[in-house]
């Protein structure tokens, strides 16, 4: 999550955030999604539409409304330690896995 922050229009956003969040230590993390909504709005997804997770588990929930997200995907030319990412900003419904009591998001599963 990168809540409270508007997604940067910079194509360098993912390169900076992936490094800052330590997702490029030891290897380049291939994919990550940053959600640009409040923590309260993301937590609320756990009480919305129940869906099946990509791995077949049944603890995933889809947001009622679209959310601002930034998808970061490793480029073909990326090679550790010089990790490089393509930045794509979109508004999509998010799907998160939820757990605990009270139920809170524990994993970003997908967007659609």
PDB file of N, CA and C in Angstrom:
ATOM      1  N   UNK A   1       0.835  -1.184   0.000  1.00  0.00           N
ATOM      2  CA  UNK A   1       0.000   0.000   0.000  1.00  0.00           C
ATOM      3  C   UNK A   1       0.872   1.236   0.000  1.00  0.00           C
ATOM      4  N   UNK A   2       0.350   2.259  -0.608  1.00  0.00           N
ATOM      5  CA  UNK A   2       0.965   3.577  -0.576  1.00  0.00           C
ATOM      6  C   UNK A   2      -0.188   4.544  -0.326  1.00  0.00           C
ATOM      7  N   UNK A   3      -0.943   4.277   0.768  1.00  0.00           N
ATOM      8  CA  UNK A   3      -2.158   5.035   1.047  1.00  0.00           C
ATOM      9  C   UNK A   3      -1.845   6.480   1.362  1.00  0.00           C
ATOM     10  N   UNK A   4      -2.793   7.326   1.021  1.00  0.00           N
ATOM     11  CA  UNK A   4      -2.637   8.744   1.296  1.00  0.00           C
ATOM     12  C   UNK A   4      -1.803   9.453   0.252  1.00  0.00           C
ATOM     13  N   UNK A   5      -1.137   8.705  -0.590  1.00  0.00           N
ATOM     14  CA  UNK A   5      -0.317   9.317  -1.630  1.00  0.00           C
ATOM     15  C   UNK A   5      -0.976   9.113  -2.981  1.00  0.00           C
ATOM     16  N   UNK A   6      -1.005  10.179  -3.753  1.00  0.00           N
ATOM     17  CA  UNK A   6      -1.487  10.048  -5.115  1.00  0.00           C
ATOM     18  C   UNK A   6      -0.410   9.333  -5.898  1.00  0.00           C
ATOM     19  N   UNK A   7      -0.815   8.481  -6.824  1.00  0.00           N
ATOM     20  CA  UNK A   7       0.204   7.820  -7.622  1.00  0.00           C
ATOM     21  C   UNK A   7       0.969   8.852  -8.431  1.00  0.00           C
ATOM     22  N   UNK A   8       2.244   8.728  -8.428  1.00  0.00           N
ATOM     23  CA  UNK A   8       3.084   9.653  -9.174  1.00  0.00           C
ATOM     24  C   UNK A   8       2.914   9.392 -10.660  1.00  0.00           C
ATOM     25  N   UNK A   9       2.951  10.435 -11.452  1.00  0.00           N
ATOM     26  CA  UNK A   9       2.853  10.253 -12.897  1.00  0.00           C
ATOM     27  C   UNK A   9       4.211   9.857 -13.475  1.00  0.00           C
ATOM     28  N   UNK A  10       5.211   9.797 -12.632  1.00  0.00           N
ATOM     29  CA  UNK A  10       6.561   9.477 -13.080  1.00  0.00           C
ATOM     30  C   UNK A  10       6.691   8.010 -13.461  1.00  0.00           C
ATOM     31  N   UNK A  11       7.349   7.765 -14.587  1.00  0.00           N
ATOM     32  CA  UNK A  11       7.599   6.384 -15.002  1.00  0.00           C
ATOM     33  C   UNK A  11       8.630   5.736 -14.079  1.00  0.00           C
ATOM     34  N   UNK A  12       9.267   6.537 -13.239  1.00  0.00           N
ATOM     35  CA  UNK A  12      10.289   6.045 -12.311  1.00  0.00           C
ATOM     36  C   UNK A  12       9.691   5.631 -10.958  1.00  0.00           C
ATOM     37  N   UNK A  13       8.382   5.828 -10.772  1.00  0.00           N
ATOM     38  CA  UNK A  13       7.726   5.538  -9.493  1.00  0.00           C
ATOM     39  C   UNK A  13       8.052   4.134  -8.992  1.00  0.00           C
ATOM     40  N   UNK A  14       7.874   3.130  -9.835  1.00  0.00           N
ATOM     41  CA  UNK A  14       8.099   1.745  -9.399  1.00  0.00           C
ATOM     42  C   UNK A  14       9.559   1.489  -9.057  1.00  0.00           C
ATOM     43  N   UNK A  15      10.473   2.022  -9.839  1.00  0.00           N
ATOM     44  CA  UNK A  15      11.894   1.830  -9.530  1.00  0.00           C
ATOM     45  C   UNK A  15      12.209   2.379  -8.143  1.00  0.00           C
ATOM     46  N   UNK A  16      11.673   3.540  -7.817  1.00  0.00           N
ATOM     47  CA  UNK A  16      11.919   4.161  -6.514  1.00  0.00           C
ATOM     48  C   UNK A  16      11.220   3.408  -5.385  1.00  0.00           C
ATOM     49  N   UNK A  17       9.933   3.098  -5.557  1.00  0.00           N
ATOM     50  CA  UNK A  17       9.164   2.457  -4.488  1.00  0.00           C
ATOM     51  C   UNK A  17       9.614   1.023  -4.213  1.00  0.00           C
ATOM     52  N   UNK A  18       9.931   0.277  -5.253  1.00  0.00           N
ATOM     53  CA  UNK A  18      10.371  -1.110  -5.051  1.00  0.00           C
ATOM     54  C   UNK A  18      11.679  -1.136  -4.268  1.00  0.00           C
ATOM     55  N   UNK A  19      12.548  -0.198  -4.537  1.00  0.00           N
ATOM     56  CA  UNK A  19      13.817  -0.102  -3.805  1.00  0.00           C
ATOM     57  C   UNK A  19      13.562   0.371  -2.377  1.00  0.00           C
ATOM     58  N   UNK A  20      12.772   1.429  -2.237  1.00  0.00           N
ATOM     59  CA  UNK A  20      12.467   2.023  -0.928  1.00  0.00           C
ATOM     60  C   UNK A  20      11.798   1.015   0.005  1.00  0.00           C
ATOM     61  N   UNK A  21      10.930   0.168  -0.540  1.00  0.00           N
ATOM     62  CA  UNK A  21      10.213  -0.836   0.256  1.00  0.00           C
ATOM     63  C   UNK A  21      11.006  -2.140   0.392  1.00  0.00           C
ATOM     64  N   UNK A  22      12.262  -2.104  -0.037  1.00  0.00           N
ATOM     65  CA  UNK A  22      13.190  -3.242   0.100  1.00  0.00           C
ATOM     66  C   UNK A  22      12.710  -4.500  -0.636  1.00  0.00           C
ATOM     67  N   UNK A  23      12.152  -4.304  -1.823  1.00  0.00           N
ATOM     68  CA  UNK A  23      11.702  -5.438  -2.634  1.00  0.00           C
ATOM     69  C   UNK A  23      12.727  -5.800  -3.699  1.00  0.00           C
ATOM     70  N   UNK A  24      13.914  -5.188  -3.581  1.00  0.00           N
ATOM     71  CA  UNK A  24      14.974  -5.468  -4.546  1.00  0.00           C
ATOM     72  C   UNK A  24      16.249  -5.899  -3.829  1.00  0.00           C
ATOM     73  N   UNK A  25      16.108  -6.445  -2.639  1.00  0.00           N
ATOM     74  CA  UNK A  25      17.274  -6.901  -1.887  1.00  0.00           C
ATOM     75  C   UNK A  25      17.477  -8.391  -2.114  1.00  0.00           C
ATOM     76  N   UNK A  26      18.637  -8.751  -2.638  1.00  0.00           N
ATOM     77  CA  UNK A  26      18.950 -10.152  -2.898  1.00  0.00           C
ATOM     78  C   UNK A  26      18.463 -10.634  -4.249  1.00  0.00           C
ATOM     79  N   UNK A  27      17.341 -10.078  -4.713  1.00  0.00           N
ATOM     80  CA  UNK A  27      16.790 -10.397  -6.032  1.00  0.00           C
ATOM     81  C   UNK A  27      15.750  -9.340  -6.374  1.00  0.00           C
ATOM     82  N   UNK A  28      15.341  -9.317  -7.622  1.00  0.00           N
ATOM     83  CA  UNK A  28      14.303  -8.379  -8.062  1.00  0.00           C
ATOM     84  C   UNK A  28      12.940  -9.051  -7.908  1.00  0.00           C
ATOM     85  N   UNK A  29      12.036  -8.460  -7.122  1.00  0.00           N
ATOM     86  CA  UNK A  29      10.667  -8.992  -7.024  1.00  0.00           C
ATOM     87  C   UNK A  29       9.993  -8.724  -8.370  1.00  0.00           C
ATOM     88  N   UNK A  30       9.445  -9.761  -9.018  1.00  0.00           N
ATOM     89  CA  UNK A  30       8.933  -9.579 -10.382  1.00  0.00           C
ATOM     90  C   UNK A  30       7.732  -8.641 -10.504  1.00  0.00           C
ATOM     91  N   UNK A  31       6.795  -8.699  -9.535  1.00  0.00           N
ATOM     92  CA  UNK A  31       5.547  -7.937  -9.640  1.00  0.00           C
ATOM     93  C   UNK A  31       5.138  -7.436  -8.263  1.00  0.00           C
ATOM     94  N   UNK A  32       4.639  -6.213  -8.206  1.00  0.00           N
ATOM     95  CA  UNK A  32       4.038  -5.703  -6.972  1.00  0.00           C
ATOM     96  C   UNK A  32       3.000  -4.651  -7.344  1.00  0.00           C
ATOM     97  N   UNK A  33       1.959  -4.552  -6.519  1.00  0.00           N
ATOM     98  CA  UNK A  33       0.909  -3.561  -6.742  1.00  0.00           C
ATOM     99  C   UNK A  33       0.802  -2.665  -5.522  1.00  0.00           C
ATOM    100  N   UNK A  34       0.797  -1.361  -5.758  1.00  0.00           N
ATOM    101  CA  UNK A  34       0.602  -0.380  -4.692  1.00  0.00           C
ATOM    102  C   UNK A  34      -0.822   0.158  -4.801  1.00  0.00           C
ATOM    103  N   UNK A  35      -1.533   0.178  -3.679  1.00  0.00           N
ATOM    104  CA  UNK A  35      -2.907   0.683  -3.624  1.00  0.00           C
ATOM    105  C   UNK A  35      -2.858   2.087  -3.041  1.00  0.00           C
ATOM    106  N   UNK A  36      -3.461   3.041  -3.743  1.00  0.00           N
ATOM    107  CA  UNK A  36      -3.424   4.449  -3.329  1.00  0.00           C
ATOM    108  C   UNK A  36      -4.767   4.878  -2.737  1.00  0.00           C
ATOM    109  N   UNK A  37      -5.220   4.153  -1.731  1.00  0.00           N
ATOM    110  CA  UNK A  37      -6.464   4.475  -1.037  1.00  0.00           C
ATOM    111  C   UNK A  37      -6.183   4.462   0.459  1.00  0.00           C
ATOM    112  N   UNK A  38      -7.117   4.964   1.237  1.00  0.00           N
ATOM    113  CA  UNK A  38      -6.914   5.000   2.686  1.00  0.00           C
ATOM    114  C   UNK A  38      -6.908   3.581   3.249  1.00  0.00           C
ATOM    115  N   UNK A  39      -6.230   3.410   4.371  1.00  0.00           N
ATOM    116  CA  UNK A  39      -6.195   2.110   5.038  1.00  0.00           C
ATOM    117  C   UNK A  39      -7.613   1.661   5.381  1.00  0.00           C
ATOM    118  N   UNK A  40      -8.454   2.595   5.816  1.00  0.00           N
ATOM    119  CA  UNK A  40      -9.845   2.267   6.162  1.00  0.00           C
ATOM    120  C   UNK A  40     -10.597   1.718   4.952  1.00  0.00           C
ATOM    121  N   UNK A  41     -10.406   2.333   3.781  1.00  0.00           N
ATOM    122  CA  UNK A  41     -11.092   1.866   2.570  1.00  0.00           C
ATOM    123  C   UNK A  41     -10.619   0.472   2.166  1.00  0.00           C
ATOM    124  N   UNK A  42      -9.327   0.206   2.310  1.00  0.00           N
ATOM    125  CA  UNK A  42      -8.799  -1.116   1.955  1.00  0.00           C
ATOM    126  C   UNK A  42      -9.271  -2.163   2.966  1.00  0.00           C
ATOM    127  N   UNK A  43      -9.268  -1.819   4.256  1.00  0.00           N
ATOM    128  CA  UNK A  43      -9.766  -2.751   5.281  1.00  0.00           C
ATOM    129  C   UNK A  43     -11.231  -3.097   5.042  1.00  0.00           C
ATOM    130  N   UNK A  44     -12.014  -2.122   4.572  1.00  0.00           N
ATOM    131  CA  UNK A  44     -13.448  -2.326   4.345  1.00  0.00           C
ATOM    132  C   UNK A  44     -13.725  -3.390   3.283  1.00  0.00           C
ATOM    133  N   UNK A  45     -12.764  -3.647   2.404  1.00  0.00           N
ATOM    134  CA  UNK A  45     -12.949  -4.658   1.359  1.00  0.00           C
ATOM    135  C   UNK A  45     -13.229  -6.029   1.987  1.00  0.00           C
ATOM    136  N   UNK A  46     -12.703  -6.272   3.191  1.00  0.00           N
ATOM    137  CA  UNK A  46     -12.886  -7.570   3.860  1.00  0.00           C
ATOM    138  C   UNK A  46     -14.336  -7.844   4.250  1.00  0.00           C
ATOM    139  N   UNK A  47     -15.218  -6.856   4.096  1.00  0.00           N
ATOM    140  CA  UNK A  47     -16.640  -7.078   4.387  1.00  0.00           C
ATOM    141  C   UNK A  47     -17.474  -6.931   3.116  1.00  0.00           C
ATOM    142  N   UNK A  48     -16.819  -6.962   1.968  1.00  0.00           N
ATOM    143  CA  UNK A  48     -17.531  -6.789   0.703  1.00  0.00           C
ATOM    144  C   UNK A  48     -17.708  -8.135   0.000  1.00  0.00           C
ATOM    145  N   UNK A  49     -17.724  -8.175  -1.316  1.00  0.00           N
ATOM    146  CA  UNK A  49     -18.057  -9.378  -2.088  1.00  0.00           C
ATOM    147  C   UNK A  49     -17.007 -10.481  -1.933  1.00  0.00           C
ATOM    148  N   UNK A  50     -17.444 -11.643  -1.434  1.00  0.00           N
ATOM    149  CA  UNK A  50     -16.542 -12.786  -1.255  1.00  0.00           C
ATOM    150  C   UNK A  50     -16.308 -13.464  -2.604  1.00  0.00           C
ATOM    151  N   UNK A  51     -15.040 -13.746  -2.913  1.00  0.00           N
ATOM    152  CA  UNK A  51     -14.671 -14.408  -4.167  1.00  0.00           C
ATOM    153  C   UNK A  51     -13.602 -15.460  -3.875  1.00  0.00           C
ATOM    154  N   UNK A  52     -13.367 -16.341  -4.825  1.00  0.00           N
ATOM    155  CA  UNK A  52     -12.322 -17.354  -4.676  1.00  0.00           C
ATOM    156  C   UNK A  52     -10.976 -16.740  -5.044  1.00  0.00           C
ATOM    157  N   UNK A  53      -9.970 -16.992  -4.229  1.00  0.00           N
ATOM    158  CA  UNK A  53      -8.611 -16.494  -4.483  1.00  0.00           C
ATOM    159  C   UNK A  53      -7.991 -17.235  -5.673  1.00  0.00           C
ATOM    160  N   UNK A  54      -6.933 -16.662  -6.251  1.00  0.00           N
ATOM    161  CA  UNK A  54      -6.233 -17.297  -7.365  1.00  0.00           C
ATOM    162  C   UNK A  54      -5.726 -18.687  -7.001  1.00  0.00           C
ATOM    163  N   UNK A  55      -5.367 -18.896  -5.729  1.00  0.00           N
ATOM    164  CA  UNK A  55      -4.826 -20.197  -5.306  1.00  0.00           C
ATOM    165  C   UNK A  55      -5.917 -21.176  -4.872  1.00  0.00           C
ATOM    166  N   UNK A  56      -7.197 -20.787  -5.051  1.00  0.00           N
ATOM    167  CA  UNK A  56      -8.304 -21.670  -4.713  1.00  0.00           C
ATOM    168  C   UNK A  56      -8.849 -21.485  -3.300  1.00  0.00           C
ATOM    169  N   UNK A  57      -8.149 -20.714  -2.469  1.00  0.00           N
ATOM    170  CA  UNK A  57      -8.636 -20.446  -1.110  1.00  0.00           C
ATOM    171  C   UNK A  57      -9.928 -19.626  -1.191  1.00  0.00           C
ATOM    172  N   UNK A  58     -10.672 -19.615  -0.096  1.00  0.00           N
ATOM    173  CA  UNK A  58     -11.982 -18.943  -0.111  1.00  0.00           C
ATOM    174  C   UNK A  58     -12.039 -17.728   0.814  1.00  0.00           C
ATOM    175  N   UNK A  59     -10.880 -17.149   1.116  1.00  0.00           N
ATOM    176  CA  UNK A  59     -10.860 -15.997   2.029  1.00  0.00           C
ATOM    177  C   UNK A  59     -10.564 -14.684   1.305  1.00  0.00           C
ATOM    178  N   UNK A  60     -10.945 -14.590   0.027  1.00  0.00           N
ATOM    179  CA  UNK A  60     -10.704 -13.361  -0.730  1.00  0.00           C
ATOM    180  C   UNK A  60     -11.992 -12.559  -0.897  1.00  0.00           C
ATOM    181  N   UNK A  61     -11.808 -11.248  -1.014  1.00  0.00           N
ATOM    182  CA  UNK A  61     -12.922 -10.314  -1.138  1.00  0.00           C
ATOM    183  C   UNK A  61     -12.585  -9.287  -2.205  1.00  0.00           C
ATOM    184  N   UNK A  62     -13.613  -8.899  -2.979  1.00  0.00           N
ATOM    185  CA  UNK A  62     -13.438  -7.928  -4.056  1.00  0.00           C
ATOM    186  C   UNK A  62     -14.059  -6.598  -3.654  1.00  0.00           C
ATOM    187  N   UNK A  63     -13.358  -5.515  -3.950  1.00  0.00           N
ATOM    188  CA  UNK A  63     -13.875  -4.185  -3.624  1.00  0.00           C
ATOM    189  C   UNK A  63     -15.124  -3.881  -4.453  1.00  0.00           C
ATOM    190  N   UNK A  64     -16.081  -3.177  -3.831  1.00  0.00           N
ATOM    191  CA  UNK A  64     -17.307  -2.775  -4.526  1.00  0.00           C
ATOM    192  C   UNK A  64     -16.993  -1.746  -5.603  1.00  0.00           C
ATOM    193  N   UNK A  65     -16.093  -0.839  -5.279  1.00  0.00           N
ATOM    194  CA  UNK A  65     -15.758   0.223  -6.224  1.00  0.00           C
ATOM    195  C   UNK A  65     -14.312   0.074  -6.688  1.00  0.00           C
ATOM    196  N   UNK A  66     -13.997   0.781  -7.755  1.00  0.00           N
ATOM    197  CA  UNK A  66     -12.619   0.740  -8.245  1.00  0.00           C
ATOM    198  C   UNK A  66     -11.721   1.523  -7.295  1.00  0.00           C
ATOM    199  N   UNK A  67     -10.459   1.171  -7.291  1.00  0.00           N
ATOM    200  CA  UNK A  67      -9.467   1.842  -6.456  1.00  0.00           C
ATOM    201  C   UNK A  67      -8.271   2.220  -7.315  1.00  0.00           C
ATOM    202  N   UNK A  68      -7.590   3.275  -6.902  1.00  0.00           N
ATOM    203  CA  UNK A  68      -6.402   3.729  -7.624  1.00  0.00           C
ATOM    204  C   UNK A  68      -5.231   2.830  -7.241  1.00  0.00           C
ATOM    205  N   UNK A  69      -4.625   2.201  -8.242  1.00  0.00           N
ATOM    206  CA  UNK A  69      -3.485   1.327  -7.982  1.00  0.00           C
ATOM    207  C   UNK A  69      -2.368   1.602  -8.982  1.00  0.00           C
ATOM    208  N   UNK A  70      -1.170   1.218  -8.604  1.00  0.00           N
ATOM    209  CA  UNK A  70      -0.031   1.251  -9.516  1.00  0.00           C
ATOM    210  C   UNK A  70       0.548  -0.148  -9.573  1.00  0.00           C
ATOM    211  N   UNK A  71       0.568  -0.717 -10.783  1.00  0.00           N
ATOM    212  CA  UNK A  71       1.183  -2.027 -10.999  1.00  0.00           C
ATOM    213  C   UNK A  71       2.637  -1.820 -11.388  1.00  0.00           C
ATOM    214  N   UNK A  72       3.514  -2.564 -10.726  1.00  0.00           N
ATOM    215  CA  UNK A  72       4.943  -2.529 -11.029  1.00  0.00           C
ATOM    216  C   UNK A  72       5.345  -3.907 -11.540  1.00  0.00           C
ATOM    217  N   UNK A  73       5.864  -3.958 -12.763  1.00  0.00           N
ATOM    218  CA  UNK A  73       6.292  -5.233 -13.348  1.00  0.00           C
ATOM    219  C   UNK A  73       7.730  -5.102 -13.827  1.00  0.00           C
ATOM    220  N   UNK A  74       8.511  -6.114 -13.491  1.00  0.00           N
ATOM    221  CA  UNK A  74       9.916  -6.119 -13.878  1.00  0.00           C
ATOM    222  C   UNK A  74      10.013  -6.129 -15.406  1.00  0.00           C
ATOM    223  N   UNK A  75      10.910  -5.316 -15.942  1.00  0.00           N
ATOM    224  CA  UNK A  75      11.099  -5.259 -17.393  1.00  0.00           C
ATOM    225  C   UNK A  75      12.003  -6.403 -17.841  1.00  0.00           C
ATOM    226  N   UNK A  76      11.983  -6.684 -19.128  1.00  0.00           N
ATOM    227  CA  UNK A  76      12.814  -7.751 -19.685  1.00  0.00           C
ATOM    228  C   UNK A  76      14.298  -7.486 -19.526  1.00  0.00           C
ATOM    229  N   UNK A  77      14.672  -6.211 -19.466  1.00  0.00           N
ATOM    230  CA  UNK A  77      16.095  -5.863 -19.355  1.00  0.00           C
ATOM    231  C   UNK A  77      16.567  -5.807 -17.902  1.00  0.00           C
ATOM    232  N   UNK A  78      15.662  -6.010 -16.963  1.00  0.00           N
ATOM    233  CA  UNK A  78      15.996  -5.937 -15.539  1.00  0.00           C
ATOM    234  C   UNK A  78      16.888  -7.101 -15.141  1.00  0.00           C
ATOM    235  N   UNK A  79      17.956  -6.784 -14.404  1.00  0.00           N
ATOM    236  CA  UNK A  79      18.844  -7.834 -13.905  1.00  0.00           C
ATOM    237  C   UNK A  79      19.431  -7.367 -12.589  1.00  0.00           C
ATOM    238  N   UNK A  80      19.279  -8.204 -11.542  1.00  0.00           N
ATOM    239  CA  UNK A  80      19.790  -7.856 -10.223  1.00  0.00           C
ATOM    240  C   UNK A  80      21.286  -7.591 -10.305  1.00  0.00           C
ATOM    241  N   UNK A  81      21.814  -6.552  -9.682  1.00  0.00           N
ATOM    242  CA  UNK A  81      21.171  -5.658  -8.711  1.00  0.00           C
ATOM    243  C   UNK A  81      20.519  -4.427  -9.338  1.00  0.00           C
ATOM    244  N   UNK A  82      20.499  -4.350 -10.669  1.00  0.00           N
ATOM    245  CA  UNK A  82      19.906  -3.195 -11.350  1.00  0.00           C
ATOM    246  C   UNK A  82      18.473  -3.513 -11.767  1.00  0.00           C
ATOM    247  N   UNK A  83      17.612  -3.658 -10.764  1.00  0.00           N
ATOM    248  CA  UNK A  83      16.209  -3.990 -11.018  1.00  0.00           C
ATOM    249  C   UNK A  83      15.529  -2.819 -11.725  1.00  0.00           C
ATOM    250  N   UNK A  84      14.721  -3.136 -12.738  1.00  0.00           N
ATOM    251  CA  UNK A  84      14.016  -2.100 -13.490  1.00  0.00           C
ATOM    252  C   UNK A  84      12.555  -2.509 -13.641  1.00  0.00           C
ATOM    253  N   UNK A  85      11.658  -1.525 -13.497  1.00  0.00           N
ATOM    254  CA  UNK A  85      10.225  -1.813 -13.492  1.00  0.00           C
ATOM    255  C   UNK A  85       9.456  -0.903 -14.433  1.00  0.00           C
ATOM    256  N   UNK A  86       8.379  -1.460 -15.013  1.00  0.00           N
ATOM    257  CA  UNK A  86       7.419  -0.689 -15.798  1.00  0.00           C
ATOM    258  C   UNK A  86       6.321  -0.252 -14.835  1.00  0.00           C
ATOM    259  N   UNK A  87       5.961   1.020 -14.869  1.00  0.00           N
ATOM    260  CA  UNK A  87       4.937   1.599 -14.000  1.00  0.00           C
ATOM    261  C   UNK A  87       3.636   1.757 -14.780  1.00  0.00           C
ATOM    262  N   UNK A  88       2.545   1.153 -14.267  1.00  0.00           N
ATOM    263  CA  UNK A  88       1.235   1.286 -14.907  1.00  0.00           C
ATOM    264  C   UNK A  88       0.213   1.708 -13.858  1.00  0.00           C
ATOM    265  N   UNK A  89      -0.388   2.885 -14.064  1.00  0.00           N
ATOM    266  CA  UNK A  89      -1.396   3.393 -13.130  1.00  0.00           C
ATOM    267  C   UNK A  89      -2.783   3.138 -13.701  1.00  0.00           C
ATOM    268  N   UNK A  90      -3.639   2.528 -12.874  1.00  0.00           N
ATOM    269  CA  UNK A  90      -4.993   2.191 -13.314  1.00  0.00           C
ATOM    270  C   UNK A  90      -5.970   2.333 -12.157  1.00  0.00           C
ATOM    271  N   UNK A  91      -7.248   2.297 -12.479  1.00  0.00           N
ATOM    272  CA  UNK A  91      -8.301   2.204 -11.462  1.00  0.00           C
ATOM    273  C   UNK A  91      -9.023   0.898 -11.720  1.00  0.00           C
ATOM    274  N   UNK A  92      -8.964  -0.010 -10.747  1.00  0.00           N
ATOM    275  CA  UNK A  92      -9.583  -1.332 -10.884  1.00  0.00           C
ATOM    276  C   UNK A  92     -10.164  -1.759  -9.549  1.00  0.00           C
ATOM    277  N   UNK A  93     -11.015  -2.774  -9.597  1.00  0.00           N
ATOM    278  CA  UNK A  93     -11.464  -3.423  -8.372  1.00  0.00           C
ATOM    279  C   UNK A  93     -10.284  -4.234  -7.857  1.00  0.00           C
ATOM    280  N   UNK A  94     -10.070  -4.215  -6.543  1.00  0.00           N
ATOM    281  CA  UNK A  94      -8.996  -5.027  -5.983  1.00  0.00           C
ATOM    282  C   UNK A  94      -9.579  -6.254  -5.298  1.00  0.00           C
ATOM    283  N   UNK A  95      -8.780  -7.310  -5.259  1.00  0.00           N
ATOM    284  CA  UNK A  95      -9.148  -8.536  -4.548  1.00  0.00           C
ATOM    285  C   UNK A  95      -8.060  -8.790  -3.521  1.00  0.00           C
ATOM    286  N   UNK A  96      -8.473  -8.889  -2.261  1.00  0.00           N
ATOM    287  CA  UNK A  96      -7.520  -9.125  -1.177  1.00  0.00           C
ATOM    288  C   UNK A  96      -7.930 -10.356  -0.381  1.00  0.00           C
ATOM    289  N   UNK A  97      -6.921 -11.065   0.132  1.00  0.00           N
ATOM    290  CA  UNK A  97      -7.174 -12.152   1.074  1.00  0.00           C
ATOM    291  C   UNK A  97      -7.252 -11.522   2.456  1.00  0.00           C
ATOM    292  N   UNK A  98      -8.215 -11.964   3.255  1.00  0.00           N
ATOM    293  CA  UNK A  98      -8.413 -11.399   4.589  1.00  0.00           C
ATOM    294  C   UNK A  98      -8.276 -12.491   5.641  1.00  0.00           C
ATOM    295  N   UNK A  99      -7.823 -12.093   6.825  1.00  0.00           N
ATOM    296  CA  UNK A  99      -7.674 -13.046   7.915  1.00  0.00           C
ATOM    297  C   UNK A  99      -7.687 -12.340   9.251  1.00  0.00           C
ATOM    298  N   UNK A 100      -7.807 -13.127  10.317  1.00  0.00           N
ATOM    299  CA  UNK A 100      -7.790 -12.579  11.670  1.00  0.00           C
ATOM    300  C   UNK A 100      -9.166 -12.166  12.149  1.00  0.00           C
ATOM    301  N   UNK A 101      -9.202 -11.735  13.389  1.00  0.00           N
ATOM    302  CA  UNK A 101     -10.438 -11.230  14.004  1.00  0.00           C
ATOM    303  C   UNK A 101     -10.093  -9.947  14.742  1.00  0.00           C
ATOM    304  N   UNK A 102     -10.547  -8.781  14.290  1.00  0.00           N
ATOM    305  CA  UNK A 102     -11.400  -8.604  13.118  1.00  0.00           C
ATOM    306  C   UNK A 102     -10.637  -8.908  11.826  1.00  0.00           C
ATOM    307  N   UNK A 103     -11.389  -9.236  10.791  1.00  0.00           N
ATOM    308  CA  UNK A 103     -10.816  -9.590   9.499  1.00  0.00           C
ATOM    309  C   UNK A 103     -10.153  -8.372   8.857  1.00  0.00           C
ATOM    310  N   UNK A 104      -8.887  -8.539   8.478  1.00  0.00           N
ATOM    311  CA  UNK A 104      -8.127  -7.463   7.830  1.00  0.00           C
ATOM    312  C   UNK A 104      -7.392  -8.040   6.617  1.00  0.00           C
ATOM    313  N   UNK A 105      -7.051  -7.191   5.636  1.00  0.00           N
ATOM    314  CA  UNK A 105      -6.311  -7.673   4.468  1.00  0.00           C
ATOM    315  C   UNK A 105      -4.928  -8.196   4.877  1.00  0.00           C
ATOM    316  N   UNK A 106      -4.593  -9.386   4.373  1.00  0.00           N
ATOM    317  CA  UNK A 106      -3.283  -9.968   4.659  1.00  0.00           C
ATOM    318  C   UNK A 106      -2.487 -10.226   3.382  1.00  0.00           C
ATOM    319  N   UNK A 107      -3.148 -10.102   2.216  1.00  0.00           N
ATOM    320  CA  UNK A 107      -2.464 -10.364   0.946  1.00  0.00           C
ATOM    321  C   UNK A 107      -3.243  -9.713  -0.187  1.00  0.00           C
ATOM    322  N   UNK A 108      -2.523  -9.048  -1.102  1.00  0.00           N
ATOM    323  CA  UNK A 108      -3.140  -8.528  -2.321  1.00  0.00           C
ATOM    324  C   UNK A 108      -3.169  -9.685  -3.309  1.00  0.00           C
ATOM    325  N   UNK A 109      -4.364 -10.073  -3.760  1.00  0.00           N
ATOM    326  CA  UNK A 109      -4.480 -11.243  -4.631  1.00  0.00           C
ATOM    327  C   UNK A 109      -4.526 -10.875  -6.110  1.00  0.00           C
ATOM    328  N   UNK A 110      -5.309  -9.857  -6.468  1.00  0.00           N
ATOM    329  CA  UNK A 110      -5.475  -9.520  -7.882  1.00  0.00           C
ATOM    330  C   UNK A 110      -6.206  -8.190  -8.022  1.00  0.00           C
ATOM    331  N   UNK A 111      -6.296  -7.739  -9.266  1.00  0.00           N
ATOM    332  CA  UNK A 111      -7.132  -6.579  -9.600  1.00  0.00           C
ATOM    333  C   UNK A 111      -7.834  -6.903 -10.909  1.00  0.00           C
ATOM    334  N   UNK A 112      -9.027  -6.337 -11.070  1.00  0.00           N
ATOM    335  CA  UNK A 112      -9.763  -6.561 -12.320  1.00  0.00           C
ATOM    336  C   UNK A 112     -10.695  -5.412 -12.610  1.00  0.00           C
TER     337      UNK A 112
END
